[in-house]
All heavy atoms as atom14 arrays in JSON, in Angstrom:
{
  "sequence": "IVERAGQAITAIFEQHGEGYFRQLEQQTLRG",
  "atom14_mask": [
    [1, 1, 1, 1, 1, 1, 1, 1, 0, 0, 0, 0, 0, 0],
    [1, 1, 1, 1, 1, 1, 1, 0, 0, 0, 0, 0, 0, 0],
    [1, 1, 1, 1, 1, 1, 1, 1, 1, 0, 0, 0, 0, 0],
    [1, 1, 1, 1, 1, 1, 1, 1, 1, 1, 1, 0, 0, 0],
    [1, 1, 1, 1, 1, 0, 0, 0, 0, 0, 0, 0, 0, 0],
    [1, 1, 1, 1, 0, 0, 0, 0, 0, 0, 0, 0, 0, 0],
    [1, 1, 1, 1, 1, 1, 1, 1, 1, 0, 0, 0, 0, 0],
    [1, 1, 1, 1, 1, 0, 0, 0, 0, 0, 0, 0, 0, 0],
    [1, 1, 1, 1, 1, 1, 1, 1, 0, 0, 0, 0, 0, 0],
    [1, 1, 1, 1, 1, 1, 1, 0, 0, 0, 0, 0, 0, 0],
    [1, 1, 1, 1, 1, 0, 0, 0, 0, 0, 0, 0, 0, 0],
    [1, 1, 1, 1, 1, 1, 1, 1, 0, 0, 0, 0, 0, 0],
    [1, 1, 1, 1, 1, 1, 1, 1, 1, 1, 1, 0, 0, 0],
    [1, 1, 1, 1, 1, 1, 1, 1, 1, 0, 0, 0, 0, 0],
    [1, 1, 1, 1, 1, 1, 1, 1, 1, 0, 0, 0, 0, 0],
    [1, 1, 1, 1, 1, 1, 1, 1, 1, 1, 0, 0, 0, 0],
    [1, 1, 1, 1, 0, 0, 0, 0, 0, 0, 0, 0, 0, 0],
    [1, 1, 1, 1, 1, 1, 1, 1, 1, 0, 0, 0, 0, 0],
    [1, 1, 1, 1, 0, 0, 0, 0, 0, 0, 0, 0, 0, 0],
    [1, 1, 1, 1, 1, 1, 1, 1, 1, 1, 1, 1, 0, 0],
    [1, 1, 1, 1, 1, 1, 1, 1, 1, 1, 1, 0, 0, 0],
    [1, 1, 1, 1, 1, 1, 1, 1, 1, 1, 1, 0, 0, 0],
    [1, 1, 1, 1, 1, 1, 1, 1, 1, 0, 0, 0, 0, 0],
    [1, 1, 1, 1, 1, 1, 1, 1, 0, 0, 0, 0, 0, 0],
    [1, 1, 1, 1, 1, 1, 1, 1, 1, 0, 0, 0, 0, 0],
    [1, 1, 1, 1, 1, 1, 1, 1, 1, 0, 0, 0, 0, 0],
    [1, 1, 1, 1, 1, 1, 1, 1, 1, 0, 0, 0, 0, 0],
    [1, 1, 1, 1, 1, 1, 1, 0, 0, 0, 0, 0, 0, 0],
    [1, 1, 1, 1, 1, 1, 1, 1, 0, 0, 0, 0, 0, 0],
    [1, 1, 1, 1, 1, 1, 1, 1, 1, 1, 1, 0, 0, 0],
    [1, 1, 1, 1, 0, 0, 0, 0, 0, 0, 0, 0, 0, 0]
  ],
  "atom14_positions": [
    [[26.66, 0.98, -5.68], [25.62, 0.49, -4.74], [24.91, 1.62, -4.2], [23.61, 1.64, -4.21], [26.24, -0.55, -3.73], [26.77, -1.76, -4.38], [25.11, -0.78, -2.72], [27.44, -2.62, -3.31], [0.0, 0.0, 0.0], [0.0, 0.0, 0.0], [0.0, 0.0, 0.0], [0.0, 0.0, 0.0], [0.0, 0.0, 0.0], [0.0, 0.0, 0.0]],
    [[25.56, 2.68, -3.72], [24.97, 3.82, -3.23], [24.11, 4.42, -4.23], [22.95, 4.91, -3.99], [26.02, 4.8, -2.69], [25.54, 6.19, -2.35], [26.71, 4.26, -1.45], [0.0, 0.0, 0.0], [0.0, 0.0, 0.0], [0.0, 0.0, 0.0], [0.0, 0.0, 0.0], [0.0, 0.0, 0.0], [0.0, 0.0, 0.0], [0.0, 0.0, 0.0]],
    [[24.58, 4.59, -5.47], [23.87, 5.22, -6.46], [22.62, 4.39, -6.82], [21.48, 4.93, -6.93], [24.7, 5.33, -7.77], [24.07, 6.0, -8.91], [24.93, 6.2, -10.04], [26.21, 6.43, -9.96], [24.39, 6.11, -11.2], [0.0, 0.0, 0.0], [0.0, 0.0, 0.0], [0.0, 0.0, 0.0], [0.0, 0.0, 0.0], [0.0, 0.0, 0.0]],
    [[22.76, 3.12, -6.91], [21.59, 2.23, -7.19], [20.61, 2.29, -6.06], [19.38, 2.28, -6.3], [22.23, 0.76, -7.32], [21.12, -0.26, -7.76], [21.78, -1.54, -7.99], [20.83, -2.49, -8.52], [21.11, -3.52, -9.36], [22.33, -3.74, -9.59], [20.15, -4.17, -9.73], [0.0, 0.0, 0.0], [0.0, 0.0, 0.0], [0.0, 0.0, 0.0]],
    [[21.02, 2.24, -4.9], [20.07, 2.26, -3.69], [19.53, 3.69, -3.39], [18.44, 3.7, -2.72], [20.7, 1.74, -2.43], [0.0, 0.0, 0.0], [0.0, 0.0, 0.0], [0.0, 0.0, 0.0], [0.0, 0.0, 0.0], [0.0, 0.0, 0.0], [0.0, 0.0, 0.0], [0.0, 0.0, 0.0], [0.0, 0.0, 0.0], [0.0, 0.0, 0.0]],
    [[20.23, 4.65, -3.74], [19.82, 6.02, -3.47], [20.03, 6.4, -2.06], [19.39, 7.25, -1.48], [0.0, 0.0, 0.0], [0.0, 0.0, 0.0], [0.0, 0.0, 0.0], [0.0, 0.0, 0.0], [0.0, 0.0, 0.0], [0.0, 0.0, 0.0], [0.0, 0.0, 0.0], [0.0, 0.0, 0.0], [0.0, 0.0, 0.0], [0.0, 0.0, 0.0]],
    [[20.86, 5.72, -1.36], [21.24, 5.96, 0.08], [22.64, 5.48, 0.41], [23.12, 4.62, -0.26], [20.26, 5.47, 1.07], [19.96, 4.01, 1.07], [18.87, 3.58, 1.92], [18.37, 2.45, 1.74], [18.28, 4.35, 2.87], [0.0, 0.0, 0.0], [0.0, 0.0, 0.0], [0.0, 0.0, 0.0], [0.0, 0.0, 0.0], [0.0, 0.0, 0.0]],
    [[23.19, 6.0, 1.43], [24.54, 5.63, 1.86], [24.6, 4.25, 2.44], [23.54, 3.58, 2.76], [25.05, 6.63, 3.03], [0.0, 0.0, 0.0], [0.0, 0.0, 0.0], [0.0, 0.0, 0.0], [0.0, 0.0, 0.0], [0.0, 0.0, 0.0], [0.0, 0.0, 0.0], [0.0, 0.0, 0.0], [0.0, 0.0, 0.0], [0.0, 0.0, 0.0]],
    [[25.8, 3.61, 2.37], [25.95, 2.24, 2.76], [25.47, 2.06, 4.17], [24.83, 1.12, 4.64], [27.31, 1.72, 2.55], [27.48, 1.56, 0.96], [27.67, 0.47, 3.25], [28.9, 1.15, 0.48], [0.0, 0.0, 0.0], [0.0, 0.0, 0.0], [0.0, 0.0, 0.0], [0.0, 0.0, 0.0], [0.0, 0.0, 0.0], [0.0, 0.0, 0.0]],
    [[25.91, 3.08, 5.05], [25.59, 2.96, 6.48], [24.05, 2.94, 6.7], [23.55, 2.11, 7.5], [26.19, 4.13, 7.32], [25.93, 5.27, 6.67], [27.72, 4.01, 7.41], [0.0, 0.0, 0.0], [0.0, 0.0, 0.0], [0.0, 0.0, 0.0], [0.0, 0.0, 0.0], [0.0, 0.0, 0.0], [0.0, 0.0, 0.0], [0.0, 0.0, 0.0]],
    [[23.33, 3.79, 5.87], [21.87, 3.77, 5.94], [21.29, 2.41, 5.43], [20.4, 2.1, 5.95], [21.31, 4.84, 5.06], [0.0, 0.0, 0.0], [0.0, 0.0, 0.0], [0.0, 0.0, 0.0], [0.0, 0.0, 0.0], [0.0, 0.0, 0.0], [0.0, 0.0, 0.0], [0.0, 0.0, 0.0], [0.0, 0.0, 0.0], [0.0, 0.0, 0.0]],
    [[21.87, 1.86, 4.31], [21.44, 0.69, 3.85], [21.62, -0.44, 4.92], [20.49, -1.3, 5.22], [22.17, 0.08, 2.62], [21.98, 1.15, 1.5], [21.74, -1.23, 2.26], [22.94, 0.83, 0.21], [0.0, 0.0, 0.0], [0.0, 0.0, 0.0], [0.0, 0.0, 0.0], [0.0, 0.0, 0.0], [0.0, 0.0, 0.0], [0.0, 0.0, 0.0]],
    [[22.6, -0.59, 5.55], [22.89, -1.47, 6.64], [21.9, -1.29, 7.8], [21.23, -2.16, 8.3], [24.31, -1.34, 7.22], [25.24, -2.35, 6.57], [25.82, -2.06, 5.3], [25.77, -3.43, 7.19], [26.67, -2.84, 4.71], [26.73, -4.28, 6.55], [27.24, -3.94, 5.31], [0.0, 0.0, 0.0], [0.0, 0.0, 0.0], [0.0, 0.0, 0.0]],
    [[21.7, 0.1, 8.25], [20.71, 0.31, 9.29], [19.35, 0.03, 9.02], [18.61, -0.55, 9.87], [20.98, 1.79, 9.67], [22.37, 2.12, 10.42], [22.5, 3.71, 10.51], [21.52, 4.43, 10.18], [23.56, 4.05, 11.05], [0.0, 0.0, 0.0], [0.0, 0.0, 0.0], [0.0, 0.0, 0.0], [0.0, 0.0, 0.0], [0.0, 0.0, 0.0]],
    [[18.93, 0.38, 7.73], [17.46, 0.29, 7.43], [17.11, -1.12, 6.96], [15.93, -1.58, 7.0], [17.1, 1.36, 6.58], [17.17, 2.73, 7.01], [16.87, 3.82, 5.98], [16.39, 3.51, 4.87], [17.26, 5.11, 6.32], [0.0, 0.0, 0.0], [0.0, 0.0, 0.0], [0.0, 0.0, 0.0], [0.0, 0.0, 0.0], [0.0, 0.0, 0.0]],
    [[18.04, -1.76, 6.26], [17.75, -3.04, 5.44], [18.52, -4.22, 5.87], [18.07, -5.33, 5.6], [17.8, -2.78, 3.99], [17.05, -1.63, 3.48], [15.6, -1.68, 3.19], [17.49, -0.35, 3.12], [15.26, -0.57, 2.78], [16.33, 0.38, 2.68], [0.0, 0.0, 0.0], [0.0, 0.0, 0.0], [0.0, 0.0, 0.0], [0.0, 0.0, 0.0]],
    [[19.68, -4.04, 6.54], [20.47, -5.08, 7.01], [21.53, -5.53, 6.02], [21.49, -5.11, 4.84], [0.0, 0.0, 0.0], [0.0, 0.0, 0.0], [0.0, 0.0, 0.0], [0.0, 0.0, 0.0], [0.0, 0.0, 0.0], [0.0, 0.0, 0.0], [0.0, 0.0, 0.0], [0.0, 0.0, 0.0], [0.0, 0.0, 0.0], [0.0, 0.0, 0.0]],
    [[22.38, -6.28, 6.53], [23.52, -6.69, 5.67], [23.12, -7.67, 4.51], [23.6, -7.53, 3.39], [24.66, -7.46, 6.37], [25.85, -7.82, 5.61], [26.92, -8.44, 6.37], [26.86, -8.55, 7.58], [28.04, -8.74, 5.71], [0.0, 0.0, 0.0], [0.0, 0.0, 0.0], [0.0, 0.0, 0.0], [0.0, 0.0, 0.0], [0.0, 0.0, 0.0]],
    [[22.11, -8.48, 4.73], [21.56, -9.35, 3.72], [21.13, -8.66, 2.46], [21.41, -9.02, 1.27], [0.0, 0.0, 0.0], [0.0, 0.0, 0.0], [0.0, 0.0, 0.0], [0.0, 0.0, 0.0], [0.0, 0.0, 0.0], [0.0, 0.0, 0.0], [0.0, 0.0, 0.0], [0.0, 0.0, 0.0], [0.0, 0.0, 0.0], [0.0, 0.0, 0.0]],
    [[20.33, -7.46, 2.65], [19.9, -6.66, 1.55], [21.05, -6.04, 0.81], [21.09, -6.04, -0.4], [18.95, -5.63, 2.13], [18.45, -4.74, 1.07], [17.4, -5.12, 0.09], [18.92, -3.37, 0.86], [16.92, -4.24, -0.85], [18.4, -2.54, -0.07], [17.57, -2.92, -0.92], [17.05, -2.14, -1.85], [0.0, 0.0, 0.0], [0.0, 0.0, 0.0]],
    [[22.0, -5.58, 1.64], [23.13, -4.94, 1.0], [23.97, -5.96, 0.24], [24.29, -5.74, -0.94], [24.13, -4.38, 2.17], [25.42, -3.9, 1.6], [25.45, -2.67, 0.92], [26.52, -4.69, 1.53], [26.75, -2.28, 0.54], [27.79, -4.33, 1.11], [27.87, -3.1, 0.5], [0.0, 0.0, 0.0], [0.0, 0.0, 0.0], [0.0, 0.0, 0.0]],
    [[24.15, -7.15, 0.6], [24.76, -8.16, -0.2], [24.15, -8.54, -1.4], [24.68, -8.82, -2.54], [25.16, -9.44, 0.7], [26.0, -9.21, 1.83], [27.47, -8.65, 1.45], [28.17, -8.37, 2.59], [29.19, -7.64, 2.58], [29.76, -7.11, 1.45], [29.93, -7.34, 3.75], [0.0, 0.0, 0.0], [0.0, 0.0, 0.0], [0.0, 0.0, 0.0]],
    [[22.79, -8.49, -1.34], [21.97, -8.7, -2.58], [22.34, -7.63, -3.75], [22.46, -7.93, -4.86], [20.45, -8.8, -2.37], [20.08, -10.01, -1.69], [18.56, -10.01, -1.44], [17.97, -8.94, -1.22], [17.97, -11.2, -1.33], [0.0, 0.0, 0.0], [0.0, 0.0, 0.0], [0.0, 0.0, 0.0], [0.0, 0.0, 0.0], [0.0, 0.0, 0.0]],
    [[22.25, -6.37, -3.23], [22.56, -5.24, -4.03], [23.97, -5.31, -4.62], [24.22, -5.16, -5.76], [22.47, -3.86, -3.34], [20.96, -3.34, -3.1], [21.06, -2.12, -2.16], [20.36, -3.01, -4.36], [0.0, 0.0, 0.0], [0.0, 0.0, 0.0], [0.0, 0.0, 0.0], [0.0, 0.0, 0.0], [0.0, 0.0, 0.0], [0.0, 0.0, 0.0]],
    [[24.9, -5.71, -3.75], [26.29, -5.92, -4.06], [26.46, -6.97, -5.2], [27.24, -6.62, -6.26], [27.03, -6.24, -2.81], [28.61, -6.38, -3.03], [29.25, -6.85, -1.81], [28.84, -7.81, -1.13], [30.14, -6.17, -1.44], [0.0, 0.0, 0.0], [0.0, 0.0, 0.0], [0.0, 0.0, 0.0], [0.0, 0.0, 0.0], [0.0, 0.0, 0.0]],
    [[25.86, -8.04, -5.1], [26.0, -9.14, -6.01], [25.43, -8.65, -7.52], [25.95, -8.79, -8.51], [25.32, -10.42, -5.66], [25.44, -11.55, -6.5], [24.71, -12.77, -6.09], [24.45, -12.92, -4.98], [24.74, -13.79, -7.03], [0.0, 0.0, 0.0], [0.0, 0.0, 0.0], [0.0, 0.0, 0.0], [0.0, 0.0, 0.0], [0.0, 0.0, 0.0]],
    [[24.21, -8.0, -7.4], [23.65, -7.49, -8.63], [24.47, -6.41, -9.31], [24.69, -6.56, -10.55], [22.2, -7.0, -8.33], [21.24, -7.9, -7.89], [19.96, -7.26, -7.19], [19.87, -6.13, -7.1], [19.14, -8.14, -6.86], [0.0, 0.0, 0.0], [0.0, 0.0, 0.0], [0.0, 0.0, 0.0], [0.0, 0.0, 0.0], [0.0, 0.0, 0.0]],
    [[25.03, -5.56, -8.5], [25.83, -4.49, -9.06], [27.17, -5.0, -9.49], [27.71, -4.48, -10.49], [26.0, -3.41, -7.95], [24.87, -3.02, -7.3], [26.78, -2.2, -8.42], [0.0, 0.0, 0.0], [0.0, 0.0, 0.0], [0.0, 0.0, 0.0], [0.0, 0.0, 0.0], [0.0, 0.0, 0.0], [0.0, 0.0, 0.0], [0.0, 0.0, 0.0]],
    [[27.71, -6.04, -8.86], [28.96, -6.55, -9.28], [28.82, -7.28, -10.61], [29.62, -7.09, -11.62], [29.56, -7.71, -8.33], [30.67, -8.44, -8.67], [31.97, -7.54, -8.84], [30.95, -9.52, -7.61], [0.0, 0.0, 0.0], [0.0, 0.0, 0.0], [0.0, 0.0, 0.0], [0.0, 0.0, 0.0], [0.0, 0.0, 0.0], [0.0, 0.0, 0.0]],
    [[27.77, -8.01, -10.82], [27.47, -8.62, -12.19], [27.43, -7.6, -13.23], [27.98, -7.63, -14.34], [26.14, -9.36, -12.16], [26.29, -10.71, -11.36], [24.95, -11.34, -11.6], [24.73, -12.53, -10.71], [25.37, -13.72, -10.87], [25.97, -13.96, -11.86], [25.2, -14.65, -9.92], [0.0, 0.0, 0.0], [0.0, 0.0, 0.0], [0.0, 0.0, 0.0]],
    [[26.74, -6.48, -13.03], [26.6, -5.38, -14.03], [27.96, -4.69, -14.19], [28.24, -4.26, -15.34], [0.0, 0.0, 0.0], [0.0, 0.0, 0.0], [0.0, 0.0, 0.0], [0.0, 0.0, 0.0], [0.0, 0.0, 0.0], [0.0, 0.0, 0.0], [0.0, 0.0, 0.0], [0.0, 0.0, 0.0], [0.0, 0.0, 0.0], [0.0, 0.0, 0.0]]
  ]
}
């Protein structure tokens, strides 16, 4: 997820929120 987003998980949560993180997580899990 970090590689896909280009930022640390803490930064993803801070800048985009948990909902956005969970979307990335689901897409990355499928792949």
